[in-house]
Protein backbone atom coordinates (compact mmCIF):
# COMPACT_ATOMS: atom_id res chain seq x y z
CA UNK A 1 0.00 0.00 0.00
CA UNK A 2 1.51 3.30 -1.10
CA UNK A 3 0.92 6.74 0.35
CA UNK A 4 0.49 9.80 -1.77
CA UNK A 5 2.59 12.93 -1.46
CA UNK A 6 -0.40 14.76 0.01
CA UNK A 7 -0.76 12.24 2.82
CA UNK A 8 2.95 12.45 3.62
CA UNK A 9 2.83 16.26 3.68
CA UNK A 10 -0.23 16.13 5.91
CA UNK A 11 1.58 13.84 8.33
CA UNK A 12 4.61 16.14 8.43
CA UNK A 13 2.37 19.15 9.03
CA UNK A 14 0.62 17.37 11.90
CA UNK A 15 4.00 16.51 13.40
CA UNK A 16 5.16 20.16 13.24
CA UNK A 17 1.89 21.39 14.78
CA UNK A 18 2.25 18.83 17.59
CA UNK A 19 5.82 19.97 18.25
CA UNK A 20 4.85 23.65 18.36
CA UNK A 21 1.90 22.90 20.65
CA UNK A 22 4.13 20.87 22.95
CA UNK A 23 6.68 23.69 23.17
CA UNK A 24 3.95 26.22 23.99
CA UNK A 25 2.58 23.97 26.74
CA UNK A 26 6.09 23.47 28.13
CA UNK A 27 6.70 27.24 28.16
CA UNK A 28 3.38 27.83 29.95
CA UNK A 29 4.24 25.22 32.58
CA UNK A 30 7.66 26.81 33.13
CA UNK A 31 6.08 30.27 33.49
CA UNK A 32 3.49 28.87 35.93
CA UNK A 33 6.19 27.25 38.04
CA UNK A 34 8.31 30.44 37.98
CA UNK A 35 5.36 32.54 39.19
CA UNK A 36 4.45 29.99 41.88
CA UNK A 37 8.01 30.08 43.23
CA UNK A 38 7.94 33.90 42.99
CA UNK A 39 4.71 34.08 45.03
CA UNK A 40 6.11 31.77 47.68
CA UNK A 41 9.46 33.53 48.02
CA UNK A 42 8.80 37.22 47.27
CA UNK A 43 5.15 38.04 47.93
CA UNK A 44 4.73 40.04 51.15
CA UNK A 45 3.02 38.14 53.95
CA UNK A 46 0.36 40.79 54.63
CA UNK A 47 -2.66 39.17 56.28
CA UNK A 48 -3.70 36.29 54.02
CA UNK A 49 -2.50 37.92 50.79
CA UNK A 50 0.31 35.43 50.18
CA UNK A 51 -1.94 32.42 50.75
CA UNK A 52 -4.61 33.83 48.44
CA UNK A 53 -2.07 34.44 45.64
CA UNK A 54 -0.65 30.93 46.06
CA UNK A 55 -4.14 29.46 45.72
CA UNK A 56 -4.95 31.68 42.72
CA UNK A 57 -1.77 30.63 40.90
CA UNK A 58 -2.22 26.93 41.74
CA UNK A 59 -5.89 26.62 40.80
CA UNK A 60 -6.02 28.90 37.75
CA UNK A 61 -2.79 27.77 36.12
CA UNK A 62 -1.05 29.95 33.57
CA UNK A 63 -3.88 32.51 33.56
CA UNK A 64 -3.54 33.07 37.33
CA UNK A 65 0.25 33.24 36.94
CA UNK A 66 -0.13 35.92 34.27
CA UNK A 67 -2.54 37.89 36.48
CA UNK A 68 -0.04 37.70 39.36
CA UNK A 69 2.81 38.76 37.06
CA UNK A 70 1.04 41.88 35.79
CA UNK A 71 -0.92 42.86 38.92
CA UNK A 72 0.93 41.88 42.05
CA UNK A 73 4.53 40.86 41.34
CA UNK A 74 6.96 43.13 43.21
CA UNK A 75 8.51 45.60 40.82
CA UNK A 76 11.24 46.94 43.10
CA UNK A 77 14.64 45.24 43.21
CA UNK A 78 15.20 43.10 46.31
CA UNK A 79 16.80 44.67 49.35
CA UNK A 80 20.58 44.70 49.10
CA UNK A 81 20.60 44.79 45.31
CA UNK A 82 23.31 46.85 43.72
CA UNK A 83 22.27 50.24 42.36
CA UNK A 84 22.71 50.88 38.65
CA UNK A 85 26.28 51.73 37.70
CA UNK A 86 27.19 55.20 36.61
CA UNK A 87 27.68 58.58 38.23
CA UNK A 88 25.47 59.44 41.17
CA UNK A 89 22.52 61.75 40.49
CA UNK A 90 23.45 65.42 40.54
CA UNK A 91 27.14 64.78 39.80
PDB file of N, CA and C in Angstrom:
ATOM      1  N   UNK A   1       0.842  -1.166   0.000  1.00  0.00           N
ATOM      2  CA  UNK A   1       0.000   0.000   0.000  1.00  0.00           C
ATOM      3  C   UNK A   1       0.893   1.236   0.000  1.00  0.00           C
ATOM      4  N   UNK A   2       0.690   2.103  -0.958  1.00  0.00           N
ATOM      5  CA  UNK A   2       1.510   3.296  -1.103  1.00  0.00           C
ATOM      6  C   UNK A   2       0.759   4.515  -0.579  1.00  0.00           C
ATOM      7  N   UNK A   3       1.540   5.497  -0.095  1.00  0.00           N
ATOM      8  CA  UNK A   3       0.921   6.742   0.355  1.00  0.00           C
ATOM      9  C   UNK A   3       1.207   7.823  -0.670  1.00  0.00           C
ATOM     10  N   UNK A   4       0.290   8.716  -0.808  1.00  0.00           N
ATOM     11  CA  UNK A   4       0.486   9.796  -1.769  1.00  0.00           C
ATOM     12  C   UNK A   4       1.313  10.901  -1.123  1.00  0.00           C
ATOM     13  N   UNK A   5       1.787  11.812  -1.954  1.00  0.00           N
ATOM     14  CA  UNK A   5       2.594  12.932  -1.455  1.00  0.00           C
ATOM     15  C   UNK A   5       1.771  13.821  -0.533  1.00  0.00           C
ATOM     16  N   UNK A   6       0.478  13.947  -0.828  1.00  0.00           N
ATOM     17  CA  UNK A   6      -0.398  14.761   0.014  1.00  0.00           C
ATOM     18  C   UNK A   6      -0.544  14.192   1.411  1.00  0.00           C
ATOM     19  N   UNK A   7      -0.655  12.877   1.509  1.00  0.00           N
ATOM     20  CA  UNK A   7      -0.762  12.239   2.823  1.00  0.00           C
ATOM     21  C   UNK A   7       0.532  12.398   3.615  1.00  0.00           C
ATOM     22  N   UNK A   8       1.661  12.289   2.947  1.00  0.00           N
ATOM     23  CA  UNK A   8       2.950  12.451   3.621  1.00  0.00           C
ATOM     24  C   UNK A   8       3.125  13.880   4.110  1.00  0.00           C
ATOM     25  N   UNK A   9       2.722  14.850   3.282  1.00  0.00           N
ATOM     26  CA  UNK A   9       2.835  16.255   3.682  1.00  0.00           C
ATOM     27  C   UNK A   9       1.900  16.537   4.849  1.00  0.00           C
ATOM     28  N   UNK A  10       0.710  15.943   4.814  1.00  0.00           N
ATOM     29  CA  UNK A  10      -0.234  16.129   5.913  1.00  0.00           C
ATOM     30  C   UNK A  10       0.305  15.570   7.222  1.00  0.00           C
ATOM     31  N   UNK A  11       0.978  14.435   7.139  1.00  0.00           N
ATOM     32  CA  UNK A  11       1.576  13.840   8.334  1.00  0.00           C
ATOM     33  C   UNK A  11       2.706  14.694   8.885  1.00  0.00           C
ATOM     34  N   UNK A  12       3.515  15.271   7.994  1.00  0.00           N
ATOM     35  CA  UNK A  12       4.614  16.141   8.432  1.00  0.00           C
ATOM     36  C   UNK A  12       4.057  17.411   9.073  1.00  0.00           C
ATOM     37  N   UNK A  13       2.987  17.948   8.475  1.00  0.00           N
ATOM     38  CA  UNK A  13       2.365  19.155   9.033  1.00  0.00           C
ATOM     39  C   UNK A  13       1.806  18.878  10.425  1.00  0.00           C
ATOM     40  N   UNK A  14       1.166  17.739  10.597  1.00  0.00           N
ATOM     41  CA  UNK A  14       0.619  17.373  11.905  1.00  0.00           C
ATOM     42  C   UNK A  14       1.736  17.218  12.935  1.00  0.00           C
ATOM     43  N   UNK A  15       2.857  16.687  12.502  1.00  0.00           N
ATOM     44  CA  UNK A  15       3.996  16.515  13.397  1.00  0.00           C
ATOM     45  C   UNK A  15       4.556  17.871  13.840  1.00  0.00           C
ATOM     46  N   UNK A  16       4.653  18.816  12.908  1.00  0.00           N
ATOM     47  CA  UNK A  16       5.156  20.156  13.239  1.00  0.00           C
ATOM     48  C   UNK A  16       4.191  20.860  14.184  1.00  0.00           C
ATOM     49  N   UNK A  17       2.889  20.760  13.915  1.00  0.00           N
ATOM     50  CA  UNK A  17       1.886  21.386  14.783  1.00  0.00           C
ATOM     51  C   UNK A  17       1.969  20.793  16.187  1.00  0.00           C
ATOM     52  N   UNK A  18       2.133  19.486  16.284  1.00  0.00           N
ATOM     53  CA  UNK A  18       2.249  18.834  17.589  1.00  0.00           C
ATOM     54  C   UNK A  18       3.489  19.318  18.336  1.00  0.00           C
ATOM     55  N   UNK A  19       4.582  19.494  17.627  1.00  0.00           N
ATOM     56  CA  UNK A  19       5.820  19.967  18.248  1.00  0.00           C
ATOM     57  C   UNK A  19       5.656  21.392  18.763  1.00  0.00           C
ATOM     58  N   UNK A  20       5.065  22.259  17.945  1.00  0.00           N
ATOM     59  CA  UNK A  20       4.846  23.649  18.363  1.00  0.00           C
ATOM     60  C   UNK A  20       3.920  23.703  19.575  1.00  0.00           C
ATOM     61  N   UNK A  21       2.829  22.941  19.534  1.00  0.00           N
ATOM     62  CA  UNK A  21       1.896  22.900  20.646  1.00  0.00           C
ATOM     63  C   UNK A  21       2.592  22.404  21.916  1.00  0.00           C
ATOM     64  N   UNK A  22       3.401  21.388  21.793  1.00  0.00           N
ATOM     65  CA  UNK A  22       4.132  20.867  22.948  1.00  0.00           C
ATOM     66  C   UNK A  22       5.085  21.891  23.536  1.00  0.00           C
ATOM     67  N   UNK A  23       5.770  22.654  22.683  1.00  0.00           N
ATOM     68  CA  UNK A  23       6.685  23.686  23.173  1.00  0.00           C
ATOM     69  C   UNK A  23       5.935  24.815  23.875  1.00  0.00           C
ATOM     70  N   UNK A  24       4.764  25.181  23.353  1.00  0.00           N
ATOM     71  CA  UNK A  24       3.954  26.222  23.995  1.00  0.00           C
ATOM     72  C   UNK A  24       3.488  25.748  25.371  1.00  0.00           C
ATOM     73  N   UNK A  25       3.021  24.520  25.456  1.00  0.00           N
ATOM     74  CA  UNK A  25       2.583  23.968  26.736  1.00  0.00           C
ATOM     75  C   UNK A  25       3.746  23.914  27.724  1.00  0.00           C
ATOM     76  N   UNK A  26       4.903  23.519  27.269  1.00  0.00           N
ATOM     77  CA  UNK A  26       6.088  23.467  28.132  1.00  0.00           C
ATOM     78  C   UNK A  26       6.469  24.863  28.633  1.00  0.00           C
ATOM     79  N   UNK A  27       6.397  25.866  27.761  1.00  0.00           N
ATOM     80  CA  UNK A  27       6.697  27.239  28.165  1.00  0.00           C
ATOM     81  C   UNK A  27       5.683  27.746  29.184  1.00  0.00           C
ATOM     82  N   UNK A  28       4.412  27.409  28.995  1.00  0.00           N
ATOM     83  CA  UNK A  28       3.384  27.828  29.946  1.00  0.00           C
ATOM     84  C   UNK A  28       3.586  27.173  31.308  1.00  0.00           C
ATOM     85  N   UNK A  29       3.979  25.912  31.309  1.00  0.00           N
ATOM     86  CA  UNK A  29       4.238  25.221  32.580  1.00  0.00           C
ATOM     87  C   UNK A  29       5.437  25.836  33.291  1.00  0.00           C
ATOM     88  N   UNK A  30       6.480  26.182  32.533  1.00  0.00           N
ATOM     89  CA  UNK A  30       7.664  26.805  33.130  1.00  0.00           C
ATOM     90  C   UNK A  30       7.315  28.170  33.716  1.00  0.00           C
ATOM     91  N   UNK A  31       6.506  28.965  32.996  1.00  0.00           N
ATOM     92  CA  UNK A  31       6.075  30.271  33.493  1.00  0.00           C
ATOM     93  C   UNK A  31       5.244  30.112  34.753  1.00  0.00           C
ATOM     94  N   UNK A  32       4.330  29.130  34.765  1.00  0.00           N
ATOM     95  CA  UNK A  32       3.491  28.873  35.927  1.00  0.00           C
ATOM     96  C   UNK A  32       4.346  28.514  37.144  1.00  0.00           C
ATOM     97  N   UNK A  33       5.321  27.646  36.945  1.00  0.00           N
ATOM     98  CA  UNK A  33       6.192  27.247  38.042  1.00  0.00           C
ATOM     99  C   UNK A  33       7.031  28.423  38.533  1.00  0.00           C
ATOM    100  N   UNK A  34       7.537  29.260  37.613  1.00  0.00           N
ATOM    101  CA  UNK A  34       8.311  30.443  37.975  1.00  0.00           C
ATOM    102  C   UNK A  34       7.467  31.390  38.834  1.00  0.00           C
ATOM    103  N   UNK A  35       6.218  31.628  38.431  1.00  0.00           N
ATOM    104  CA  UNK A  35       5.359  32.538  39.190  1.00  0.00           C
ATOM    105  C   UNK A  35       4.970  31.930  40.537  1.00  0.00           C
ATOM    106  N   UNK A  36       4.769  30.631  40.597  1.00  0.00           N
ATOM    107  CA  UNK A  36       4.446  29.986  41.878  1.00  0.00           C
ATOM    108  C   UNK A  36       5.612  30.133  42.850  1.00  0.00           C
ATOM    109  N   UNK A  37       6.823  29.906  42.380  1.00  0.00           N
ATOM    110  CA  UNK A  37       8.006  30.084  43.231  1.00  0.00           C
ATOM    111  C   UNK A  37       8.148  31.548  43.620  1.00  0.00           C
ATOM    112  N   UNK A  38       7.860  32.468  42.707  1.00  0.00           N
ATOM    113  CA  UNK A  38       7.939  33.900  42.994  1.00  0.00           C
ATOM    114  C   UNK A  38       6.942  34.289  44.076  1.00  0.00           C
ATOM    115  N   UNK A  39       5.715  33.779  44.001  1.00  0.00           N
ATOM    116  CA  UNK A  39       4.707  34.075  45.027  1.00  0.00           C
ATOM    117  C   UNK A  39       5.186  33.573  46.384  1.00  0.00           C
ATOM    118  N   UNK A  40       5.704  32.370  46.403  1.00  0.00           N
ATOM    119  CA  UNK A  40       6.110  31.769  47.682  1.00  0.00           C
ATOM    120  C   UNK A  40       7.293  32.505  48.290  1.00  0.00           C
ATOM    121  N   UNK A  41       8.240  32.951  47.472  1.00  0.00           N
ATOM    122  CA  UNK A  41       9.460  33.532  48.023  1.00  0.00           C
ATOM    123  C   UNK A  41       9.439  35.047  48.141  1.00  0.00           C
ATOM    124  N   UNK A  42       8.678  35.759  47.290  1.00  0.00           N
ATOM    125  CA  UNK A  42       8.795  37.216  47.267  1.00  0.00           C
ATOM    126  C   UNK A  42       7.534  37.980  47.637  1.00  0.00           C
ATOM    127  N   UNK A  43       6.391  37.338  47.625  1.00  0.00           N
ATOM    128  CA  UNK A  43       5.148  38.040  47.926  1.00  0.00           C
ATOM    129  C   UNK A  43       5.125  38.402  49.413  1.00  0.00           C
ATOM    130  N   UNK A  44       4.783  39.670  49.741  1.00  0.00           N
ATOM    131  CA  UNK A  44       4.728  40.043  51.151  1.00  0.00           C
ATOM    132  C   UNK A  44       3.651  39.252  51.895  1.00  0.00           C
ATOM    133  N   UNK A  45       3.936  38.946  53.143  1.00  0.00           N
ATOM    134  CA  UNK A  45       3.018  38.142  53.952  1.00  0.00           C
ATOM    135  C   UNK A  45       2.019  39.018  54.699  1.00  0.00           C
ATOM    136  N   UNK A  46       1.361  39.930  54.005  1.00  0.00           N
ATOM    137  CA  UNK A  46       0.365  40.793  54.629  1.00  0.00           C
ATOM    138  C   UNK A  46      -0.942  40.027  54.751  1.00  0.00           C
ATOM    139  N   UNK A  47      -1.420  39.893  55.975  1.00  0.00           N
ATOM    140  CA  UNK A  47      -2.656  39.175  56.277  1.00  0.00           C
ATOM    141  C   UNK A  47      -2.647  37.826  55.563  1.00  0.00           C
ATOM    142  N   UNK A  48      -3.644  37.565  54.747  1.00  0.00           N
ATOM    143  CA  UNK A  48      -3.698  36.291  54.016  1.00  0.00           C
ATOM    144  C   UNK A  48      -3.380  36.470  52.540  1.00  0.00           C
ATOM    145  N   UNK A  49      -2.758  37.591  52.196  1.00  0.00           N
ATOM    146  CA  UNK A  49      -2.497  37.920  50.792  1.00  0.00           C
ATOM    147  C   UNK A  49      -1.635  36.864  50.100  1.00  0.00           C
ATOM    148  N   UNK A  50      -0.593  36.423  50.778  1.00  0.00           N
ATOM    149  CA  UNK A  50       0.308  35.433  50.178  1.00  0.00           C
ATOM    150  C   UNK A  50      -0.432  34.118  49.921  1.00  0.00           C
ATOM    151  N   UNK A  51      -1.198  33.669  50.904  1.00  0.00           N
ATOM    152  CA  UNK A  51      -1.940  32.418  50.751  1.00  0.00           C
ATOM    153  C   UNK A  51      -2.952  32.515  49.614  1.00  0.00           C
ATOM    154  N   UNK A  52      -3.630  33.649  49.505  1.00  0.00           N
ATOM    155  CA  UNK A  52      -4.606  33.830  48.436  1.00  0.00           C
ATOM    156  C   UNK A  52      -3.929  33.783  47.080  1.00  0.00           C
ATOM    157  N   UNK A  53      -2.773  34.458  46.924  1.00  0.00           N
ATOM    158  CA  UNK A  53      -2.068  34.439  45.639  1.00  0.00           C
ATOM    159  C   UNK A  53      -1.561  33.038  45.306  1.00  0.00           C
ATOM    160  N   UNK A  54      -1.100  32.312  46.315  1.00  0.00           N
ATOM    161  CA  UNK A  54      -0.647  30.933  46.064  1.00  0.00           C
ATOM    162  C   UNK A  54      -1.814  30.102  45.530  1.00  0.00           C
ATOM    163  N   UNK A  55      -2.978  30.223  46.166  1.00  0.00           N
ATOM    164  CA  UNK A  55      -4.145  29.460  45.719  1.00  0.00           C
ATOM    165  C   UNK A  55      -4.597  29.887  44.325  1.00  0.00           C
ATOM    166  N   UNK A  56      -4.564  31.187  44.047  1.00  0.00           N
ATOM    167  CA  UNK A  56      -4.951  31.676  42.718  1.00  0.00           C
ATOM    168  C   UNK A  56      -4.031  31.087  41.656  1.00  0.00           C
ATOM    169  N   UNK A  57      -2.730  31.133  41.892  1.00  0.00           N
ATOM    170  CA  UNK A  57      -1.772  30.627  40.896  1.00  0.00           C
ATOM    171  C   UNK A  57      -1.905  29.111  40.734  1.00  0.00           C
ATOM    172  N   UNK A  58      -2.110  28.394  41.823  1.00  0.00           N
ATOM    173  CA  UNK A  58      -2.219  26.935  41.738  1.00  0.00           C
ATOM    174  C   UNK A  58      -3.479  26.515  40.985  1.00  0.00           C
ATOM    175  N   UNK A  59      -4.622  27.108  41.346  1.00  0.00           N
ATOM    176  CA  UNK A  59      -5.890  26.622  40.801  1.00  0.00           C
ATOM    177  C   UNK A  59      -6.288  27.223  39.460  1.00  0.00           C
ATOM    178  N   UNK A  60      -5.656  28.317  39.044  1.00  0.00           N
ATOM    179  CA  UNK A  60      -6.016  28.900  37.752  1.00  0.00           C
ATOM    180  C   UNK A  60      -4.920  28.723  36.709  1.00  0.00           C
ATOM    181  N   UNK A  61      -3.826  28.103  37.082  1.00  0.00           N
ATOM    182  CA  UNK A  61      -2.788  27.765  36.124  1.00  0.00           C
ATOM    183  C   UNK A  61      -2.084  28.976  35.535  1.00  0.00           C
ATOM    184  N   UNK A  62      -1.819  28.905  34.239  1.00  0.00           N
ATOM    185  CA  UNK A  62      -1.050  29.948  33.569  1.00  0.00           C
ATOM    186  C   UNK A  62      -1.785  31.288  33.564  1.00  0.00           C
ATOM    187  N   UNK A  63      -3.117  31.255  33.545  1.00  0.00           N
ATOM    188  CA  UNK A  63      -3.876  32.512  33.565  1.00  0.00           C
ATOM    189  C   UNK A  63      -3.687  33.219  34.907  1.00  0.00           C
ATOM    190  N   UNK A  64      -3.772  32.483  36.003  1.00  0.00           N
ATOM    191  CA  UNK A  64      -3.535  33.074  37.325  1.00  0.00           C
ATOM    192  C   UNK A  64      -2.104  33.547  37.482  1.00  0.00           C
ATOM    193  N   UNK A  65      -1.159  32.817  36.892  1.00  0.00           N
ATOM    194  CA  UNK A  65       0.247  33.235  36.944  1.00  0.00           C
ATOM    195  C   UNK A  65       0.440  34.540  36.190  1.00  0.00           C
ATOM    196  N   UNK A  66      -0.236  34.682  35.047  1.00  0.00           N
ATOM    197  CA  UNK A  66      -0.135  35.924  34.274  1.00  0.00           C
ATOM    198  C   UNK A  66      -0.767  37.088  35.032  1.00  0.00           C
ATOM    199  N   UNK A  67      -1.900  36.838  35.682  1.00  0.00           N
ATOM    200  CA  UNK A  67      -2.539  37.889  36.484  1.00  0.00           C
ATOM    201  C   UNK A  67      -1.602  38.318  37.599  1.00  0.00           C
ATOM    202  N   UNK A  68      -0.992  37.362  38.298  1.00  0.00           N
ATOM    203  CA  UNK A  68      -0.043  37.704  39.364  1.00  0.00           C
ATOM    204  C   UNK A  68       1.131  38.508  38.804  1.00  0.00           C
ATOM    205  N   UNK A  69       1.650  38.097  37.661  1.00  0.00           N
ATOM    206  CA  UNK A  69       2.805  38.764  37.061  1.00  0.00           C
ATOM    207  C   UNK A  69       2.506  40.229  36.763  1.00  0.00           C
ATOM    208  N   UNK A  70       1.352  40.505  36.189  1.00  0.00           N
ATOM    209  CA  UNK A  70       1.039  41.877  35.788  1.00  0.00           C
ATOM    210  C   UNK A  70       0.419  42.718  36.899  1.00  0.00           C
ATOM    211  N   UNK A  71      -0.213  42.103  37.888  1.00  0.00           N
ATOM    212  CA  UNK A  71      -0.924  42.865  38.918  1.00  0.00           C
ATOM    213  C   UNK A  71      -0.131  42.982  40.210  1.00  0.00           C
ATOM    214  N   UNK A  72       0.408  41.896  40.687  1.00  0.00           N
ATOM    215  CA  UNK A  72       0.927  41.876  42.049  1.00  0.00           C
ATOM    216  C   UNK A  72       2.437  41.736  42.167  1.00  0.00           C
ATOM    217  N   UNK A  73       3.101  41.162  41.204  1.00  0.00           N
ATOM    218  CA  UNK A  73       4.531  40.858  41.338  1.00  0.00           C
ATOM    219  C   UNK A  73       5.320  42.097  41.740  1.00  0.00           C
ATOM    220  N   UNK A  74       6.182  41.973  42.768  1.00  0.00           N
ATOM    221  CA  UNK A  74       6.964  43.132  43.210  1.00  0.00           C
ATOM    222  C   UNK A  74       7.824  43.680  42.076  1.00  0.00           C
ATOM    223  N   UNK A  75       7.769  44.984  41.906  1.00  0.00           N
ATOM    224  CA  UNK A  75       8.511  45.604  40.815  1.00  0.00           C
ATOM    225  C   UNK A  75       9.840  46.197  41.270  1.00  0.00           C
ATOM    226  N   UNK A  76      10.008  46.373  42.567  1.00  0.00           N
ATOM    227  CA  UNK A  76      11.244  46.941  43.098  1.00  0.00           C
ATOM    228  C   UNK A  76      12.310  45.863  43.200  1.00  0.00           C
ATOM    229  N   UNK A  77      13.581  46.239  43.022  1.00  0.00           N
ATOM    230  CA  UNK A  77      14.640  45.242  43.206  1.00  0.00           C
ATOM    231  C   UNK A  77      14.690  44.802  44.662  1.00  0.00           C
ATOM    232  N   UNK A  78      15.127  43.586  44.932  1.00  0.00           N
ATOM    233  CA  UNK A  78      15.199  43.104  46.306  1.00  0.00           C
ATOM    234  C   UNK A  78      16.168  43.932  47.138  1.00  0.00           C
ATOM    235  N   UNK A  79      15.936  43.929  48.442  1.00  0.00           N
ATOM    236  CA  UNK A  79      16.804  44.674  49.351  1.00  0.00           C
ATOM    237  C   UNK A  79      18.233  44.159  49.227  1.00  0.00           C
ATOM    238  N   UNK A  80      19.183  45.075  49.200  1.00  0.00           N
ATOM    239  CA  UNK A  80      20.581  44.696  49.097  1.00  0.00           C
ATOM    240  C   UNK A  80      21.060  44.593  47.660  1.00  0.00           C
ATOM    241  N   UNK A  81      20.184  44.847  46.709  1.00  0.00           N
ATOM    242  CA  UNK A  81      20.597  44.790  45.309  1.00  0.00           C
ATOM    243  C   UNK A  81      21.487  45.989  44.992  1.00  0.00           C
ATOM    244  N   UNK A  82      22.392  45.781  44.091  1.00  0.00           N
ATOM    245  CA  UNK A  82      23.311  46.852  43.719  1.00  0.00           C
ATOM    246  C   UNK A  82      22.583  47.912  42.910  1.00  0.00           C
ATOM    247  N   UNK A  83      22.887  49.182  43.172  1.00  0.00           N
ATOM    248  CA  UNK A  83      22.269  50.244  42.365  1.00  0.00           C
ATOM    249  C   UNK A  83      22.847  50.226  40.953  1.00  0.00           C
ATOM    250  N   UNK A  84      22.157  50.854  40.006  1.00  0.00           N
ATOM    251  CA  UNK A  84      22.715  50.875  38.649  1.00  0.00           C
ATOM    252  C   UNK A  84      24.046  51.595  38.614  1.00  0.00           C
ATOM    253  N   UNK A  85      24.960  51.117  37.773  1.00  0.00           N
ATOM    254  CA  UNK A  85      26.284  51.728  37.699  1.00  0.00           C
ATOM    255  C   UNK A  85      26.193  53.055  36.973  1.00  0.00           C
ATOM    256  N   UNK A  86      27.154  53.889  37.221  1.00  0.00           N
ATOM    257  CA  UNK A  86      27.194  55.200  36.610  1.00  0.00           C
ATOM    258  C   UNK A  86      27.378  56.274  37.673  1.00  0.00           C
ATOM    259  N   UNK A  87      27.483  57.504  37.243  1.00  0.00           N
ATOM    260  CA  UNK A  87      27.682  58.576  38.226  1.00  0.00           C
ATOM    261  C   UNK A  87      26.434  58.780  39.071  1.00  0.00           C
ATOM    262  N   UNK A  88      26.616  59.193  40.311  1.00  0.00           N
ATOM    263  CA  UNK A  88      25.465  59.439  41.171  1.00  0.00           C
ATOM    264  C   UNK A  88      24.643  60.602  40.642  1.00  0.00           C
ATOM    265  N   UNK A  89      23.343  60.651  40.968  1.00  0.00           N
ATOM    266  CA  UNK A  89      22.522  61.752  40.491  1.00  0.00           C
ATOM    267  C   UNK A  89      23.039  63.096  40.997  1.00  0.00           C
ATOM    268  N   UNK A  90      23.015  64.093  40.154  1.00  0.00           N
ATOM    269  CA  UNK A  90      23.454  65.424  40.535  1.00  0.00           C
ATOM    270  C   UNK A  90      24.956  65.622  40.408  1.00  0.00           C
ATOM    271  N   UNK A  91      25.681  64.628  39.918  1.00  0.00           N
ATOM    272  CA  UNK A  91      27.138  64.780  39.805  1.00  0.00           C
ATOM    273  C   UNK A  91      27.533  65.285  38.460  1.00  0.00           C
TER     274      UNK A  91
END
